[in-house]
C-alpha atoms as a PDB file:
ATOM      1  CA  UNK A   1     -17.068  -8.821  -9.324  1.00  0.00           C
ATOM      2  CA  UNK A   2     -15.119 -12.049  -8.626  1.00  0.00           C
ATOM      3  CA  UNK A   3     -12.717 -12.121  -5.552  1.00  0.00           C
ATOM      4  CA  UNK A   4     -10.804 -14.446  -3.368  1.00  0.00           C
ATOM      5  CA  UNK A   5     -13.967 -15.266  -1.360  1.00  0.00           C
ATOM      6  CA  UNK A   6     -16.246 -16.143  -4.709  1.00  0.00           C
ATOM      7  CA  UNK A   7     -17.305 -19.756  -4.359  1.00  0.00           C
ATOM      8  CA  UNK A   8     -14.831 -22.017  -6.058  1.00  0.00           C
ATOM      9  CA  UNK A   9     -11.954 -20.340  -4.468  1.00  0.00           C
ATOM     10  CA  UNK A  10      -8.789 -18.881  -5.907  1.00  0.00           C
ATOM     11  CA  UNK A  11      -7.423 -22.141  -7.822  1.00  0.00           C
ATOM     12  CA  UNK A  12     -11.032 -22.245  -9.720  1.00  0.00           C
ATOM     13  CA  UNK A  13     -10.814 -18.257 -10.603  1.00  0.00           C
ATOM     14  CA  UNK A  14      -7.186 -19.020 -11.745  1.00  0.00           C
ATOM     15  CA  UNK A  15      -8.325 -21.849 -13.932  1.00  0.00           C
ATOM     16  CA  UNK A  16     -11.130 -19.410 -15.270  1.00  0.00           C
ATOM     17  CA  UNK A  17      -9.010 -16.534 -15.857  1.00  0.00           C
ATOM     18  CA  UNK A  18      -6.611 -19.048 -18.080  1.00  0.00           C
ATOM     19  CA  UNK A  19      -9.627 -20.396 -19.920  1.00  0.00           C
ATOM     20  CA  UNK A  20     -10.852 -16.938 -20.798  1.00  0.00           C
ATOM     21  CA  UNK A  21      -7.108 -15.920 -21.723  1.00  0.00           C
ATOM     22  CA  UNK A  22      -6.933 -18.933 -24.157  1.00  0.00           C
ATOM     23  CA  UNK A  23     -10.393 -18.293 -25.723  1.00  0.00           C
ATOM     24  CA  UNK A  24      -9.573 -14.880 -26.355  1.00  0.00           C
ATOM     25  CA  UNK A  25     -12.397 -13.785 -24.232  1.00  0.00           C
ATOM     26  CA  UNK A  26     -11.365 -10.394 -23.144  1.00  0.00           C
ATOM     27  CA  UNK A  27     -14.738  -9.613 -21.411  1.00  0.00           C
ATOM     28  CA  UNK A  28     -14.495 -12.586 -19.338  1.00  0.00           C
ATOM     29  CA  UNK A  29     -10.743 -12.227 -18.611  1.00  0.00           C
ATOM     30  CA  UNK A  30     -11.250  -8.631 -17.489  1.00  0.00           C
ATOM     31  CA  UNK A  31     -14.050  -9.794 -14.951  1.00  0.00           C
ATOM     32  CA  UNK A  32     -11.153 -11.087 -12.755  1.00  0.00           C
ATOM     33  CA  UNK A  33      -9.590  -7.375 -12.481  1.00  0.00           C
ATOM     34  CA  UNK A  34     -10.740  -4.682 -10.110  1.00  0.00           C
ATOM     35  CA  UNK A  35     -10.815  -0.941 -10.382  1.00  0.00           C
ATOM     36  CA  UNK A  36      -7.492  -0.835  -8.635  1.00  0.00           C
ATOM     37  CA  UNK A  37      -5.632  -3.834 -10.152  1.00  0.00           C
ATOM     38  CA  UNK A  38      -2.088  -3.574 -11.588  1.00  0.00           C
ATOM     39  CA  UNK A  39      -0.742  -5.966 -13.974  1.00  0.00           C
ATOM     40  CA  UNK A  40       3.232  -5.625 -13.644  1.00  0.00           C
ATOM     41  CA  UNK A  41       5.305  -7.333 -16.407  1.00  0.00           C
ATOM     42  CA  UNK A  42       7.922  -4.870 -16.191  1.00  0.00           C
ATOM     43  CA  UNK A  43      10.462  -7.567 -15.207  1.00  0.00           C
ATOM     44  CA  UNK A  44      10.037  -8.834 -18.927  1.00  0.00           C
ATOM     45  CA  UNK A  45      10.134  -5.222 -20.309  1.00  0.00           C
ATOM     46  CA  UNK A  46       6.452  -4.873 -20.846  1.00  0.00           C
ATOM     47  CA  UNK A  47       5.737  -2.259 -18.446  1.00  0.00           C
ATOM     48  CA  UNK A  48       3.336  -1.706 -15.459  1.00  0.00           C
ATOM     49  CA  UNK A  49      -0.356  -1.475 -16.387  1.00  0.00           C
ATOM     50  CA  UNK A  50      -2.910   0.248 -13.706  1.00  0.00           C
ATOM     51  CA  UNK A  51      -6.394  -0.187 -13.953  1.00  0.00           C
ATOM     52  CA  UNK A  52      -8.980  -2.129 -16.240  1.00  0.00           C
ATOM     53  CA  UNK A  53      -8.715  -0.047 -19.486  1.00  0.00           C
ATOM     54  CA  UNK A  54      -4.666  -0.166 -19.254  1.00  0.00           C
ATOM     55  CA  UNK A  55      -4.672  -3.811 -18.505  1.00  0.00           C
ATOM     56  CA  UNK A  56      -7.208  -4.626 -21.248  1.00  0.00           C
ATOM     57  CA  UNK A  57      -5.096  -2.504 -23.831  1.00  0.00           C
ATOM     58  CA  UNK A  58      -2.126  -4.551 -22.889  1.00  0.00           C
ATOM     59  CA  UNK A  59      -4.016  -7.721 -23.381  1.00  0.00           C
ATOM     60  CA  UNK A  60      -5.513  -6.788 -26.610  1.00  0.00           C
ATOM     61  CA  UNK A  61      -1.972  -5.628 -27.962  1.00  0.00           C
ATOM     62  CA  UNK A  62      -0.239  -8.871 -26.671  1.00  0.00           C
ATOM     63  CA  UNK A  63      -2.651 -11.419 -27.468  1.00  0.00           C
ATOM     64  CA  UNK A  64      -4.408  -9.847 -30.266  1.00  0.00           C
ATOM     65  CA  UNK A  65      -1.121  -9.275 -32.020  1.00  0.00           C
ATOM     66  CA  UNK A  66      -0.946 -12.942 -33.089  1.00  0.00           C
ATOM     67  CA  UNK A  67      -2.858 -14.813 -35.649  1.00  0.00           C
ATOM     68  CA  UNK A  68      -2.855 -17.606 -33.358  1.00  0.00           C
ATOM     69  CA  UNK A  69      -2.594 -17.388 -29.553  1.00  0.00           C
ATOM     70  CA  UNK A  70      -2.986 -20.120 -26.903  1.00  0.00           C
ATOM     71  CA  UNK A  71      -2.237 -20.498 -23.294  1.00  0.00           C
ATOM     72  CA  UNK A  72      -2.398 -24.031 -21.596  1.00  0.00           C
ATOM     73  CA  UNK A  73      -2.421 -24.296 -18.007  1.00  0.00           C
ATOM     74  CA  UNK A  74       0.040 -26.895 -17.095  1.00  0.00           C
ATOM     75  CA  UNK A  75      -0.018 -26.932 -13.162  1.00  0.00           C
ATOM     76  CA  UNK A  76      -2.064 -25.204 -10.544  1.00  0.00           C
ATOM     77  CA  UNK A  77      -1.555 -25.484  -6.802  1.00  0.00           C
ATOM     78  CA  UNK A  78      -3.700 -23.755  -4.464  1.00  0.00           C
ATOM     79  CA  UNK A  79      -1.558 -22.556  -1.535  1.00  0.00           C
ATOM     80  CA  UNK A  80      -4.040 -21.411   0.612  1.00  0.00           C
ATOM     81  CA  UNK A  81      -5.195 -17.961   1.815  1.00  0.00           C
ATOM     82  CA  UNK A  82      -6.045 -17.091  -1.673  1.00  0.00           C
ATOM     83  CA  UNK A  83      -2.569 -17.753  -3.125  1.00  0.00           C
ATOM     84  CA  UNK A  84      -2.092 -20.078  -5.968  1.00  0.00           C
ATOM     85  CA  UNK A  85       1.141 -21.158  -8.185  1.00  0.00           C
ATOM     86  CA  UNK A  86       0.435 -21.698 -11.728  1.00  0.00           C
ATOM     87  CA  UNK A  87       2.612 -22.884 -14.595  1.00  0.00           C
ATOM     88  CA  UNK A  88       1.452 -22.196 -18.137  1.00  0.00           C
ATOM     89  CA  UNK A  89       2.637 -22.567 -21.708  1.00  0.00           C
ATOM     90  CA  UNK A  90       1.912 -20.014 -24.263  1.00  0.00           C
ATOM     91  CA  UNK A  91       2.112 -20.567 -27.703  1.00  0.00           C
ATOM     92  CA  UNK A  92       1.775 -17.865 -30.615  1.00  0.00           C
ATOM     93  CA  UNK A  93       2.135 -17.495 -34.389  1.00  0.00           C
ATOM     94  CA  UNK A  94       2.210 -14.504 -36.437  1.00  0.00           C
ATOM     95  CA  UNK A  95       1.643 -14.430 -40.322  1.00  0.00           C
ATOM     96  CA  UNK A  96       4.151 -11.518 -40.376  1.00  0.00           C
ATOM     97  CA  UNK A  97       7.065 -14.081 -39.314  1.00  0.00           C
ATOM     98  CA  UNK A  98       6.017 -16.777 -42.024  1.00  0.00           C
END
């Protein structure tokens, strides 16, 4: 399992997670989450998802719900102690809206 002490550090792990999301590689993306992970997107009305199965389902519904989906990492700052600040742009298109 990957973690904050994996070679490459938190910034490299974050970069790899964004690359996996952009590629739609859910298997690689889920390798960044542990058994007790929580994906909290409740501030945007998208709920709180606890555990790998729930997080994977959320990503599949969210990213997989579009005909085209991309996420581009704009900036990535390693703040130390396993903390990073990332800015990314997500773009998506659905055939249903055409």
